[in-house]
Each structure stands twice: as structure tokens, then as C-alpha cells.
């Protein structure tokens, strides 16, 4: 739509108005050298709505979380969240919560991954005796409060089962494991016998939580790219985290201003944890499963950490 501008001191009669307009147009075109084809039009509301609808329809819809069930190798039934991915080759991510926690610990990360630019296939499992995984064969009830330290290694079977379930009918180019507190030790132990694991996330690891040695576990897989995180005032993780970072060949360290322990509690006070985890996952999206020769081998740096508590 063209607008006619009333110039100061110029009569509004039709003849003079057209004459003034001609002078104005001529001066503008000669002075600027612009092309008349570069006319900028303001879209009508209906046109704007059409453009917005087109953009919205081209954006990928958030992945929908599903509740799934499967069993460990010893027949213990387990519950988990599944965040599917469109591509069968999308990497598999398995999340492992802290001891005495449940899979809701990872909800803030799942919310981000559901709309992330790169899709992971995610299995977020409730370990036996936790959350919705408290039943066993014969109607028995499992509870973390009744577990002895000798039974803690059975939790590794639950992670193996989550990986096996996550691999059904897909061909991910790698697996990433992320664990919180005791879950960090457990995923390091599992990664040692899962050849497709290409990266680890250790959030608030402890030296010997529930009798499980994190140094011995991580020494076997220290060649894998690893995300380390904890609160800078977390007395449980401060010492082991420093040693694990020194052991790592490819480590990323993030610390947050909190004394809290576990991903859930650190993330509640420092939500940047979830953004940092997502960024790290996006950066490592294209990883391939490591060659057997890349497996970690205990060395002097690894042995140094083993004596720490």
C-alpha cells in the first residue's frame, strides 16, 4: 500500500499534490540509486498466520515418553521410561538413578531431550527395589532398605536389561550411560562388558558407596569420553571426583555451587546441570563404539585412586 505524504507549505490541491509527489519521487530515486523492485510490503495478518503455521508444522514434534516393562536376567520385573527416536541408528542413552531414589531423578533431562535438536533413544530405568520396580517372582516385594551390600551387584543386571531392551529392533551407532551417585559406579562396571558403550556420565560419584569401588570400576573404562559433575561443596564426591578426572583420558568436568549430593539434588539447586548434560550429549552424538583396544587399562594414575575413601 502506497502512502502520500503531505509536505510542509504545499497546497493539498490535486495538481500541486501530484507535482510535489513527482519531485519527491524523482529526488529519492536519483539520490539513493535504489531499484523500484525492492519494494518492502508488510504482510497482511492472514499472510503472517500462514507463514507461522508453515514454520510450526516444519518443527519436529516432541518425542512422547512411554512407560515400558521388561525383566532382568534373573527374572526380576522392571519398569522404565522410554523416549523413542525416529531414526533406528540414533544412539541409545540409559539413565541410572541414585541408590534410595527412582527414575524421576532424570525428569528435567528427559524434558530437554524430548525437544532436543538431535534425538537419543532413552531408557530411564527404575532399579530393583526402587520406584515402580519393587515386585518379584512369587509375589515378593523388593525394597532397597532390605538390600545387603552383597546384593548391590545385582543392580548391574537391571542396567544390562535396560540396555538389552533399548537395543530391540534398532541399531544405534553407540550407547551412552549416565549414572547418579551409586549409579555412577554401577554404569562404569557395566560399561566394562558392554562393547557398544562409547561414553559415560558420572554425576556425584562416591569412592565406595554401598561397598562398591568406583576407582576399580572406572579404571577399566577410563578411555571413554566422560562427563563428570558434582556440587563443589559435596563432601561425598569431592575427593573421588578429583581422582577420577585425573584418571580419565577424555574428561569434561562441571562443578556447581551447592553442597547437595546426587543429580536430582544438585539439579534442583543448580539447573545448569541439565543444560550442561544436554550440551555434552549433543556434542558426543556422533560417537562410534570404541575398538576393543581402547578399553581402559589400570595404570599408575588408576592405582593412585584406589586407596582413597
C-alpha atoms as a PDB file:
ATOM      1  CA  UNK A   1       0.000   0.000   0.000  1.00  0.00           C
ATOM      2  CA  UNK A   2       1.461   3.366  -1.023  1.00  0.00           C
ATOM      3  CA  UNK A   3       1.216   6.386   1.292  1.00  0.00           C
ATOM      4  CA  UNK A   4       1.060  10.022   0.101  1.00  0.00           C
ATOM      5  CA  UNK A   5       2.869  12.409   2.416  1.00  0.00           C
ATOM      6  CA  UNK A   6       1.715  15.989   2.854  1.00  0.00           C
ATOM      7  CA  UNK A   7       4.831  18.227   2.574  1.00  0.00           C
ATOM      8  CA  UNK A   8       5.042  21.441   4.622  1.00  0.00           C
ATOM      9  CA  UNK A   9       3.996  24.537   2.696  1.00  0.00           C
ATOM     10  CA  UNK A  10       2.488  22.616  -0.197  1.00  0.00           C
ATOM     11  CA  UNK A  11      -1.173  23.009  -1.084  1.00  0.00           C
ATOM     12  CA  UNK A  12      -3.358  19.956  -0.910  1.00  0.00           C
ATOM     13  CA  UNK A  13      -4.923  20.661  -4.307  1.00  0.00           C
ATOM     14  CA  UNK A  14      -4.724  17.643  -6.662  1.00  0.00           C
ATOM     15  CA  UNK A  15      -2.436  19.303  -9.197  1.00  0.00           C
ATOM     16  CA  UNK A  16       0.082  20.611  -6.725  1.00  0.00           C
ATOM     17  CA  UNK A  17      -0.068  17.401  -4.705  1.00  0.00           C
ATOM     18  CA  UNK A  18       0.858  15.346  -7.772  1.00  0.00           C
ATOM     19  CA  UNK A  19       3.609  17.756  -8.773  1.00  0.00           C
ATOM     20  CA  UNK A  20       5.188  17.700  -5.346  1.00  0.00           C
ATOM     21  CA  UNK A  21       4.959  13.961  -5.284  1.00  0.00           C
ATOM     22  CA  UNK A  22       6.748  13.701  -8.625  1.00  0.00           C
ATOM     23  CA  UNK A  23       9.602  15.932  -7.386  1.00  0.00           C
ATOM     24  CA  UNK A  24       9.857  13.894  -4.196  1.00  0.00           C
ATOM     25  CA  UNK A  25       9.951  10.552  -6.024  1.00  0.00           C
ATOM     26  CA  UNK A  26      12.495  11.738  -8.575  1.00  0.00           C
ATOM     27  CA  UNK A  27      14.823  13.091  -5.899  1.00  0.00           C
ATOM     28  CA  UNK A  28      14.573   9.946  -3.849  1.00  0.00           C
ATOM     29  CA  UNK A  29      15.309   7.608  -6.741  1.00  0.00           C
ATOM     30  CA  UNK A  30      18.215   9.644  -8.079  1.00  0.00           C
ATOM     31  CA  UNK A  31      19.747  10.171  -4.642  1.00  0.00           C
ATOM     32  CA  UNK A  32      19.561   6.615  -3.410  1.00  0.00           C
ATOM     33  CA  UNK A  33      20.029   4.645  -6.606  1.00  0.00           C
ATOM     34  CA  UNK A  34      17.591   2.017  -5.291  1.00  0.00           C
ATOM     35  CA  UNK A  35      15.577  -0.233  -7.569  1.00  0.00           C
ATOM     36  CA  UNK A  36      11.834   0.029  -7.597  1.00  0.00           C
ATOM     37  CA  UNK A  37      11.717  -3.771  -7.487  1.00  0.00           C
ATOM     38  CA  UNK A  38      12.968  -3.703  -3.883  1.00  0.00           C
ATOM     39  CA  UNK A  39       9.621  -2.621  -2.524  1.00  0.00           C
ATOM     40  CA  UNK A  40       9.050  -3.928   1.002  1.00  0.00           C
ATOM     41  CA  UNK A  41       5.495  -4.980   1.686  1.00  0.00           C
ATOM     42  CA  UNK A  42       4.042  -5.570   5.101  1.00  0.00           C
ATOM     43  CA  UNK A  43       2.249  -8.929   5.082  1.00  0.00           C
ATOM     44  CA  UNK A  44      -1.384  -8.978   5.987  1.00  0.00           C
ATOM     45  CA  UNK A  45      -2.473 -10.750   9.167  1.00  0.00           C
ATOM     46  CA  UNK A  46      -3.672 -13.740   7.143  1.00  0.00           C
ATOM     47  CA  UNK A  47      -0.289 -13.981   5.384  1.00  0.00           C
ATOM     48  CA  UNK A  48       1.554 -13.811   8.729  1.00  0.00           C
ATOM     49  CA  UNK A  49      -0.638 -16.566  10.121  1.00  0.00           C
ATOM     50  CA  UNK A  50       0.112 -18.754   7.089  1.00  0.00           C
ATOM     51  CA  UNK A  51       3.869 -18.280   7.498  1.00  0.00           C
ATOM     52  CA  UNK A  52       3.699 -19.029  11.243  1.00  0.00           C
ATOM     53  CA  UNK A  53       1.683 -22.181  10.587  1.00  0.00           C
ATOM     54  CA  UNK A  54       4.207 -23.349   7.997  1.00  0.00           C
ATOM     55  CA  UNK A  55       7.124 -22.824  10.396  1.00  0.00           C
ATOM     56  CA  UNK A  56       5.302 -24.589  13.226  1.00  0.00           C
ATOM     57  CA  UNK A  57       4.401 -27.556  11.045  1.00  0.00           C
ATOM     58  CA  UNK A  58       8.029 -27.971   9.915  1.00  0.00           C
ATOM     59  CA  UNK A  59       9.354 -28.104  13.511  1.00  0.00           C
ATOM     60  CA  UNK A  60       9.729 -31.671  14.857  1.00  0.00           C
ATOM     61  CA  UNK A  61       7.117 -32.691  17.399  1.00  0.00           C
ATOM     62  CA  UNK A  62       8.427 -33.513  20.884  1.00  0.00           C
ATOM     63  CA  UNK A  63       9.039 -37.224  21.414  1.00  0.00           C
ATOM     64  CA  UNK A  64       6.392 -38.855  23.601  1.00  0.00           C
ATOM     65  CA  UNK A  65       7.515 -40.652  26.754  1.00  0.00           C
ATOM     66  CA  UNK A  66       6.278 -44.226  27.175  1.00  0.00           C
ATOM     67  CA  UNK A  67       6.164 -46.454  30.267  1.00  0.00           C
ATOM     68  CA  UNK A  68       7.619 -49.882  29.491  1.00  0.00           C
ATOM     69  CA  UNK A  69       8.271 -53.165  31.301  1.00  0.00           C
ATOM     70  CA  UNK A  70      10.961 -55.823  30.908  1.00  0.00           C
ATOM     71  CA  UNK A  71      12.789 -58.303  33.130  1.00  0.00           C
ATOM     72  CA  UNK A  72      16.359 -58.714  34.301  1.00  0.00           C
ATOM     73  CA  UNK A  73      18.284 -61.918  33.601  1.00  0.00           C
ATOM     74  CA  UNK A  74      17.183 -63.310  36.983  1.00  0.00           C
ATOM     75  CA  UNK A  75      13.501 -62.642  36.101  1.00  0.00           C
ATOM     76  CA  UNK A  76      13.059 -59.578  38.321  1.00  0.00           C
ATOM     77  CA  UNK A  77      10.453 -57.349  36.601  1.00  0.00           C
ATOM     78  CA  UNK A  78      11.470 -53.768  35.945  1.00  0.00           C
ATOM     79  CA  UNK A  79       9.696 -50.555  34.949  1.00  0.00           C
ATOM     80  CA  UNK A  80      11.215 -47.777  32.871  1.00  0.00           C
ATOM     81  CA  UNK A  81      10.537 -44.719  30.758  1.00  0.00           C
ATOM     82  CA  UNK A  82      11.246 -44.984  27.052  1.00  0.00           C
ATOM     83  CA  UNK A  83      11.896 -41.880  24.984  1.00  0.00           C
ATOM     84  CA  UNK A  84      11.864 -43.147  21.385  1.00  0.00           C
ATOM     85  CA  UNK A  85      13.830 -41.755  18.453  1.00  0.00           C
ATOM     86  CA  UNK A  86      12.720 -41.637  14.833  1.00  0.00           C
ATOM     87  CA  UNK A  87      15.998 -43.000  13.465  1.00  0.00           C
ATOM     88  CA  UNK A  88      16.955 -46.597  14.194  1.00  0.00           C
ATOM     89  CA  UNK A  89      20.601 -45.551  14.219  1.00  0.00           C
ATOM     90  CA  UNK A  90      20.056 -42.940  16.961  1.00  0.00           C
ATOM     91  CA  UNK A  91      22.375 -43.530  19.923  1.00  0.00           C
ATOM     92  CA  UNK A  92      20.971 -45.289  22.976  1.00  0.00           C
ATOM     93  CA  UNK A  93      21.114 -43.468  26.312  1.00  0.00           C
ATOM     94  CA  UNK A  94      20.488 -45.366  29.563  1.00  0.00           C
ATOM     95  CA  UNK A  95      19.924 -43.350  32.750  1.00  0.00           C
ATOM     96  CA  UNK A  96      20.582 -44.824  36.202  1.00  0.00           C
ATOM     97  CA  UNK A  97      19.322 -43.097  39.342  1.00  0.00           C
ATOM     98  CA  UNK A  98      20.931 -42.981  42.792  1.00  0.00           C
ATOM     99  CA  UNK A  99      20.506 -45.639  45.473  1.00  0.00           C
ATOM    100  CA  UNK A 100      17.331 -44.947  47.506  1.00  0.00           C
ATOM    101  CA  UNK A 101      15.987 -42.856  44.602  1.00  0.00           C
ATOM    102  CA  UNK A 102      13.967 -43.602  41.470  1.00  0.00           C
ATOM    103  CA  UNK A 103      13.818 -42.738  37.792  1.00  0.00           C
ATOM    104  CA  UNK A 104      12.072 -39.410  38.413  1.00  0.00           C
ATOM    105  CA  UNK A 105      15.566 -38.100  39.201  1.00  0.00           C
ATOM    106  CA  UNK A 106      16.148 -37.648  35.460  1.00  0.00           C
ATOM    107  CA  UNK A 107      12.853 -35.961  34.530  1.00  0.00           C
ATOM    108  CA  UNK A 108      14.423 -32.498  33.894  1.00  0.00           C
ATOM    109  CA  UNK A 109      16.907 -34.070  31.476  1.00  0.00           C
ATOM    110  CA  UNK A 110      14.196 -36.103  29.725  1.00  0.00           C
ATOM    111  CA  UNK A 111      12.118 -32.951  29.248  1.00  0.00           C
ATOM    112  CA  UNK A 112      15.065 -31.321  27.481  1.00  0.00           C
ATOM    113  CA  UNK A 113      15.919 -34.360  25.354  1.00  0.00           C
ATOM    114  CA  UNK A 114      12.306 -34.682  24.178  1.00  0.00           C
ATOM    115  CA  UNK A 115      12.717 -31.416  22.232  1.00  0.00           C
ATOM    116  CA  UNK A 116      16.480 -31.537  21.598  1.00  0.00           C
ATOM    117  CA  UNK A 117      17.787 -30.948  18.046  1.00  0.00           C
ATOM    118  CA  UNK A 118      19.304 -34.468  17.999  1.00  0.00           C
ATOM    119  CA  UNK A 119      17.263 -37.411  19.194  1.00  0.00           C
ATOM    120  CA  UNK A 120      18.536 -40.077  21.548  1.00  0.00           C
ATOM    121  CA  UNK A 121      16.615 -43.271  22.241  1.00  0.00           C
ATOM    122  CA  UNK A 122      16.462 -43.124  26.044  1.00  0.00           C
ATOM    123  CA  UNK A 123      15.732 -45.842  28.605  1.00  0.00           C
ATOM    124  CA  UNK A 124      15.296 -44.439  32.119  1.00  0.00           C
ATOM    125  CA  UNK A 125      15.020 -47.452  34.420  1.00  0.00           C
ATOM    126  CA  UNK A 126      13.840 -47.962  37.997  1.00  0.00           C
ATOM    127  CA  UNK A 127      16.391 -50.303  39.573  1.00  0.00           C
ATOM    128  CA  UNK A 128      15.017 -53.262  41.528  1.00  0.00           C
ATOM    129  CA  UNK A 129      13.693 -52.259  44.930  1.00  0.00           C
ATOM    130  CA  UNK A 130      13.166 -48.684  43.769  1.00  0.00           C
ATOM    131  CA  UNK A 131      10.252 -46.731  42.309  1.00  0.00           C
ATOM    132  CA  UNK A 132       7.945 -48.985  40.308  1.00  0.00           C
ATOM    133  CA  UNK A 133      10.358 -51.946  40.294  1.00  0.00           C
ATOM    134  CA  UNK A 134       9.510 -53.393  43.695  1.00  0.00           C
ATOM    135  CA  UNK A 135       7.831 -56.656  42.778  1.00  0.00           C
ATOM    136  CA  UNK A 136       9.487 -60.016  42.266  1.00  0.00           C
ATOM    137  CA  UNK A 137       8.504 -63.542  41.278  1.00  0.00           C
ATOM    138  CA  UNK A 138       6.135 -65.273  43.689  1.00  0.00           C
ATOM    139  CA  UNK A 139       4.538 -62.042  44.858  1.00  0.00           C
ATOM    140  CA  UNK A 140       7.592 -60.978  46.852  1.00  0.00           C
ATOM    141  CA  UNK A 141       8.204 -57.267  47.434  1.00  0.00           C
ATOM    142  CA  UNK A 142      11.678 -55.866  46.853  1.00  0.00           C
ATOM    143  CA  UNK A 143      12.873 -52.795  48.723  1.00  0.00           C
ATOM    144  CA  UNK A 144      16.228 -51.074  48.754  1.00  0.00           C
ATOM    145  CA  UNK A 145      16.047 -50.833  52.558  1.00  0.00           C
ATOM    146  CA  UNK A 146      16.369 -54.615  52.854  1.00  0.00           C
ATOM    147  CA  UNK A 147      19.315 -54.949  50.460  1.00  0.00           C
ATOM    148  CA  UNK A 148      22.691 -56.040  51.779  1.00  0.00           C
ATOM    149  CA  UNK A 149      25.993 -54.961  50.247  1.00  0.00           C
ATOM    150  CA  UNK A 150      26.361 -58.446  48.769  1.00  0.00           C
ATOM    151  CA  UNK A 151      23.134 -57.879  46.819  1.00  0.00           C
ATOM    152  CA  UNK A 152      24.124 -54.491  45.368  1.00  0.00           C
ATOM    153  CA  UNK A 153      25.910 -56.027  42.331  1.00  0.00           C
ATOM    154  CA  UNK A 154      22.521 -57.456  41.272  1.00  0.00           C
ATOM    155  CA  UNK A 155      21.596 -53.905  40.283  1.00  0.00           C
ATOM    156  CA  UNK A 156      24.024 -54.255  37.388  1.00  0.00           C
ATOM    157  CA  UNK A 157      21.683 -56.876  35.925  1.00  0.00           C
ATOM    158  CA  UNK A 158      18.979 -54.210  35.758  1.00  0.00           C
ATOM    159  CA  UNK A 159      21.227 -51.917  33.724  1.00  0.00           C
ATOM    160  CA  UNK A 160      22.146 -54.766  31.383  1.00  0.00           C
ATOM    161  CA  UNK A 161      18.416 -55.485  30.955  1.00  0.00           C
ATOM    162  CA  UNK A 162      17.734 -51.795  30.174  1.00  0.00           C
ATOM    163  CA  UNK A 163      20.444 -51.891  27.516  1.00  0.00           C
ATOM    164  CA  UNK A 164      19.079 -55.108  26.027  1.00  0.00           C
ATOM    165  CA  UNK A 165      15.580 -53.634  25.902  1.00  0.00           C
ATOM    166  CA  UNK A 166      16.883 -50.401  24.367  1.00  0.00           C
ATOM    167  CA  UNK A 167      18.603 -52.347  21.578  1.00  0.00           C
ATOM    168  CA  UNK A 168      15.463 -54.196  20.464  1.00  0.00           C
ATOM    169  CA  UNK A 169      14.639 -53.593  16.787  1.00  0.00           C
ATOM    170  CA  UNK A 170      17.168 -50.742  16.445  1.00  0.00           C
ATOM    171  CA  UNK A 171      20.837 -50.390  15.523  1.00  0.00           C
ATOM    172  CA  UNK A 172      22.300 -47.463  17.491  1.00  0.00           C
ATOM    173  CA  UNK A 173      25.797 -46.456  16.483  1.00  0.00           C
ATOM    174  CA  UNK A 174      26.754 -46.245  20.163  1.00  0.00           C
ATOM    175  CA  UNK A 175      25.487 -46.408  23.749  1.00  0.00           C
ATOM    176  CA  UNK A 176      25.934 -43.742  26.417  1.00  0.00           C
ATOM    177  CA  UNK A 177      25.399 -44.492  30.109  1.00  0.00           C
ATOM    178  CA  UNK A 178      24.731 -41.771  32.700  1.00  0.00           C
ATOM    179  CA  UNK A 179      24.503 -42.511  36.426  1.00  0.00           C
ATOM    180  CA  UNK A 180      23.993 -40.596  39.653  1.00  0.00           C
ATOM    181  CA  UNK A 181      25.839 -41.334  42.928  1.00  0.00           C
ATOM    182  CA  UNK A 182      25.978 -45.153  43.275  1.00  0.00           C
ATOM    183  CA  UNK A 183      24.508 -45.276  39.768  1.00  0.00           C
ATOM    184  CA  UNK A 184      27.757 -43.714  38.503  1.00  0.00           C
ATOM    185  CA  UNK A 185      29.778 -46.634  39.881  1.00  0.00           C
ATOM    186  CA  UNK A 186      27.302 -49.176  38.526  1.00  0.00           C
ATOM    187  CA  UNK A 187      27.416 -47.824  34.962  1.00  0.00           C
ATOM    188  CA  UNK A 188      31.230 -47.869  34.992  1.00  0.00           C
ATOM    189  CA  UNK A 189      31.143 -51.560  35.979  1.00  0.00           C
ATOM    190  CA  UNK A 190      28.559 -52.374  33.303  1.00  0.00           C
ATOM    191  CA  UNK A 191      30.418 -50.441  30.600  1.00  0.00           C
ATOM    192  CA  UNK A 192      33.412 -52.769  31.000  1.00  0.00           C
ATOM    193  CA  UNK A 193      31.449 -55.670  29.471  1.00  0.00           C
ATOM    194  CA  UNK A 194      29.174 -53.739  27.073  1.00  0.00           C
ATOM    195  CA  UNK A 195      31.222 -53.221  23.895  1.00  0.00           C
ATOM    196  CA  UNK A 196      28.909 -50.622  22.314  1.00  0.00           C
ATOM    197  CA  UNK A 197      29.234 -48.189  25.239  1.00  0.00           C
ATOM    198  CA  UNK A 198      31.121 -45.166  23.900  1.00  0.00           C
ATOM    199  CA  UNK A 199      30.650 -42.519  26.623  1.00  0.00           C
ATOM    200  CA  UNK A 200      29.840 -42.181  30.324  1.00  0.00           C
ATOM    201  CA  UNK A 201      28.295 -39.528  32.551  1.00  0.00           C
ATOM    202  CA  UNK A 202      29.323 -39.767  36.213  1.00  0.00           C
ATOM    203  CA  UNK A 203      27.265 -37.377  38.325  1.00  0.00           C
ATOM    204  CA  UNK A 204      28.228 -37.142  42.029  1.00  0.00           C
ATOM    205  CA  UNK A 205      30.277 -40.361  42.163  1.00  0.00           C
ATOM    206  CA  UNK A 206      31.374 -41.691  45.561  1.00  0.00           C
ATOM    207  CA  UNK A 207      34.525 -43.625  46.415  1.00  0.00           C
ATOM    208  CA  UNK A 208      32.929 -46.723  47.980  1.00  0.00           C
ATOM    209  CA  UNK A 209      29.169 -46.168  48.132  1.00  0.00           C
ATOM    210  CA  UNK A 210      27.436 -49.332  49.414  1.00  0.00           C
ATOM    211  CA  UNK A 211      30.826 -51.058  49.284  1.00  0.00           C
ATOM    212  CA  UNK A 212      31.302 -50.533  45.517  1.00  0.00           C
ATOM    213  CA  UNK A 213      34.778 -49.334  44.476  1.00  0.00           C
ATOM    214  CA  UNK A 214      34.415 -46.586  41.873  1.00  0.00           C
ATOM    215  CA  UNK A 215      38.156 -46.401  41.150  1.00  0.00           C
ATOM    216  CA  UNK A 216      38.498 -50.058  40.205  1.00  0.00           C
ATOM    217  CA  UNK A 217      35.327 -49.814  38.102  1.00  0.00           C
ATOM    218  CA  UNK A 218      36.368 -46.668  36.230  1.00  0.00           C
ATOM    219  CA  UNK A 219      39.948 -47.835  35.664  1.00  0.00           C
ATOM    220  CA  UNK A 220      38.612 -50.395  33.186  1.00  0.00           C
ATOM    221  CA  UNK A 221      36.798 -47.811  31.051  1.00  0.00           C
ATOM    222  CA  UNK A 222      38.734 -44.586  31.625  1.00  0.00           C
ATOM    223  CA  UNK A 223      39.455 -44.266  27.880  1.00  0.00           C
ATOM    224  CA  UNK A 224      35.796 -43.452  27.219  1.00  0.00           C
ATOM    225  CA  UNK A 225      34.774 -39.770  26.953  1.00  0.00           C
ATOM    226  CA  UNK A 226      33.335 -38.954  30.368  1.00  0.00           C
ATOM    227  CA  UNK A 227      31.171 -36.172  31.775  1.00  0.00           C
ATOM    228  CA  UNK A 228      31.950 -35.527  35.461  1.00  0.00           C
ATOM    229  CA  UNK A 229      29.757 -33.319  37.647  1.00  0.00           C
ATOM    230  CA  UNK A 230      29.077 -32.568  41.309  1.00  0.00           C
ATOM    231  CA  UNK A 231      28.466 -29.754  43.766  1.00  0.00           C
ATOM    232  CA  UNK A 232      31.671 -28.008  44.814  1.00  0.00           C
ATOM    233  CA  UNK A 233      30.669 -28.485  48.460  1.00  0.00           C
ATOM    234  CA  UNK A 234      29.675 -32.144  48.146  1.00  0.00           C
ATOM    235  CA  UNK A 235      31.867 -33.949  50.699  1.00  0.00           C
ATOM    236  CA  UNK A 236      30.894 -37.362  49.308  1.00  0.00           C
ATOM    237  CA  UNK A 237      32.105 -36.631  45.775  1.00  0.00           C
ATOM    238  CA  UNK A 238      34.842 -34.022  46.171  1.00  0.00           C
ATOM    239  CA  UNK A 239      37.833 -36.352  46.661  1.00  0.00           C
ATOM    240  CA  UNK A 240      36.829 -39.197  44.309  1.00  0.00           C
ATOM    241  CA  UNK A 241      35.838 -36.738  41.598  1.00  0.00           C
ATOM    242  CA  UNK A 242      39.314 -35.181  41.590  1.00  0.00           C
ATOM    243  CA  UNK A 243      40.970 -38.595  41.291  1.00  0.00           C
ATOM    244  CA  UNK A 244      38.601 -39.818  38.574  1.00  0.00           C
ATOM    245  CA  UNK A 245      39.200 -36.702  36.490  1.00  0.00           C
ATOM    246  CA  UNK A 246      42.952 -37.380  36.661  1.00  0.00           C
ATOM    247  CA  UNK A 247      42.384 -40.983  35.591  1.00  0.00           C
ATOM    248  CA  UNK A 248      40.234 -40.006  32.603  1.00  0.00           C
ATOM    249  CA  UNK A 249      41.746 -39.749  29.136  1.00  0.00           C
ATOM    250  CA  UNK A 250      38.897 -37.610  27.800  1.00  0.00           C
ATOM    251  CA  UNK A 251      37.026 -35.909  30.633  1.00  0.00           C
ATOM    252  CA  UNK A 252      34.682 -32.933  30.944  1.00  0.00           C
ATOM    253  CA  UNK A 253      34.315 -31.538  34.472  1.00  0.00           C
ATOM    254  CA  UNK A 254      31.435 -29.370  35.693  1.00  0.00           C
ATOM    255  CA  UNK A 255      31.063 -28.163  39.281  1.00  0.00           C
ATOM    256  CA  UNK A 256      28.153 -26.251  40.780  1.00  0.00           C
ATOM    257  CA  UNK A 257      27.683 -24.006  43.801  1.00  0.00           C
ATOM    258  CA  UNK A 258      25.908 -26.445  46.110  1.00  0.00           C
ATOM    259  CA  UNK A 259      26.651 -28.885  48.913  1.00  0.00           C
ATOM    260  CA  UNK A 260      23.936 -31.308  47.792  1.00  0.00           C
ATOM    261  CA  UNK A 261      24.601 -34.831  46.539  1.00  0.00           C
ATOM    262  CA  UNK A 262      23.072 -36.682  43.538  1.00  0.00           C
ATOM    263  CA  UNK A 263      21.866 -35.417  40.172  1.00  0.00           C
ATOM    264  CA  UNK A 264      18.380 -34.713  41.500  1.00  0.00           C
ATOM    265  CA  UNK A 265      19.517 -32.536  44.393  1.00  0.00           C
ATOM    266  CA  UNK A 266      22.304 -30.754  42.518  1.00  0.00           C
ATOM    267  CA  UNK A 267      19.971 -30.087  39.598  1.00  0.00           C
ATOM    268  CA  UNK A 268      17.327 -28.653  41.933  1.00  0.00           C
ATOM    269  CA  UNK A 269      19.759 -26.000  43.201  1.00  0.00           C
ATOM    270  CA  UNK A 270      21.808 -25.637  40.015  1.00  0.00           C
ATOM    271  CA  UNK A 271      19.569 -26.296  36.963  1.00  0.00           C
ATOM    272  CA  UNK A 272      22.561 -25.568  34.742  1.00  0.00           C
ATOM    273  CA  UNK A 273      23.475 -29.225  35.317  1.00  0.00           C
ATOM    274  CA  UNK A 274      20.695 -30.313  32.945  1.00  0.00           C
ATOM    275  CA  UNK A 275      21.742 -27.856  30.254  1.00  0.00           C
ATOM    276  CA  UNK A 276      25.378 -28.952  30.556  1.00  0.00           C
ATOM    277  CA  UNK A 277      24.427 -32.614  30.331  1.00  0.00           C
ATOM    278  CA  UNK A 278      22.300 -31.971  27.261  1.00  0.00           C
ATOM    279  CA  UNK A 279      25.110 -29.986  25.600  1.00  0.00           C
ATOM    280  CA  UNK A 280      27.593 -32.778  26.303  1.00  0.00           C
ATOM    281  CA  UNK A 281      25.214 -35.375  24.860  1.00  0.00           C
ATOM    282  CA  UNK A 282      24.690 -33.295  21.714  1.00  0.00           C
ATOM    283  CA  UNK A 283      28.459 -32.863  21.288  1.00  0.00           C
ATOM    284  CA  UNK A 284      29.006 -36.623  21.564  1.00  0.00           C
ATOM    285  CA  UNK A 285      26.048 -37.635  19.412  1.00  0.00           C
ATOM    286  CA  UNK A 286      28.175 -38.910  16.515  1.00  0.00           C
ATOM    287  CA  UNK A 287      30.493 -41.111  18.568  1.00  0.00           C
ATOM    288  CA  UNK A 288      31.118 -44.647  17.412  1.00  0.00           C
ATOM    289  CA  UNK A 289      31.530 -47.693  19.626  1.00  0.00           C
ATOM    290  CA  UNK A 290      35.187 -47.960  20.692  1.00  0.00           C
ATOM    291  CA  UNK A 291      37.560 -50.577  19.338  1.00  0.00           C
ATOM    292  CA  UNK A 292      38.476 -53.321  21.828  1.00  0.00           C
ATOM    293  CA  UNK A 293      41.992 -51.897  22.099  1.00  0.00           C
ATOM    294  CA  UNK A 294      40.543 -48.665  23.509  1.00  0.00           C
ATOM    295  CA  UNK A 295      39.366 -50.326  26.713  1.00  0.00           C
ATOM    296  CA  UNK A 296      40.879 -48.762  29.806  1.00  0.00           C
ATOM    297  CA  UNK A 297      43.886 -50.483  31.371  1.00  0.00           C
ATOM    298  CA  UNK A 298      44.727 -49.845  35.034  1.00  0.00           C
ATOM    299  CA  UNK A 299      47.893 -47.804  35.382  1.00  0.00           C
ATOM    300  CA  UNK A 300      49.683 -45.718  37.993  1.00  0.00           C
ATOM    301  CA  UNK A 301      47.046 -42.966  37.891  1.00  0.00           C
ATOM    302  CA  UNK A 302      44.271 -45.509  38.335  1.00  0.00           C
ATOM    303  CA  UNK A 303      46.050 -47.302  41.160  1.00  0.00           C
ATOM    304  CA  UNK A 304      46.571 -43.993  42.965  1.00  0.00           C
ATOM    305  CA  UNK A 305      42.830 -43.522  43.390  1.00  0.00           C
ATOM    306  CA  UNK A 306      42.102 -46.966  44.732  1.00  0.00           C
ATOM    307  CA  UNK A 307      43.324 -46.239  48.234  1.00  0.00           C
ATOM    308  CA  UNK A 308      41.093 -43.187  48.665  1.00  0.00           C
ATOM    309  CA  UNK A 309      37.820 -43.376  50.590  1.00  0.00           C
END
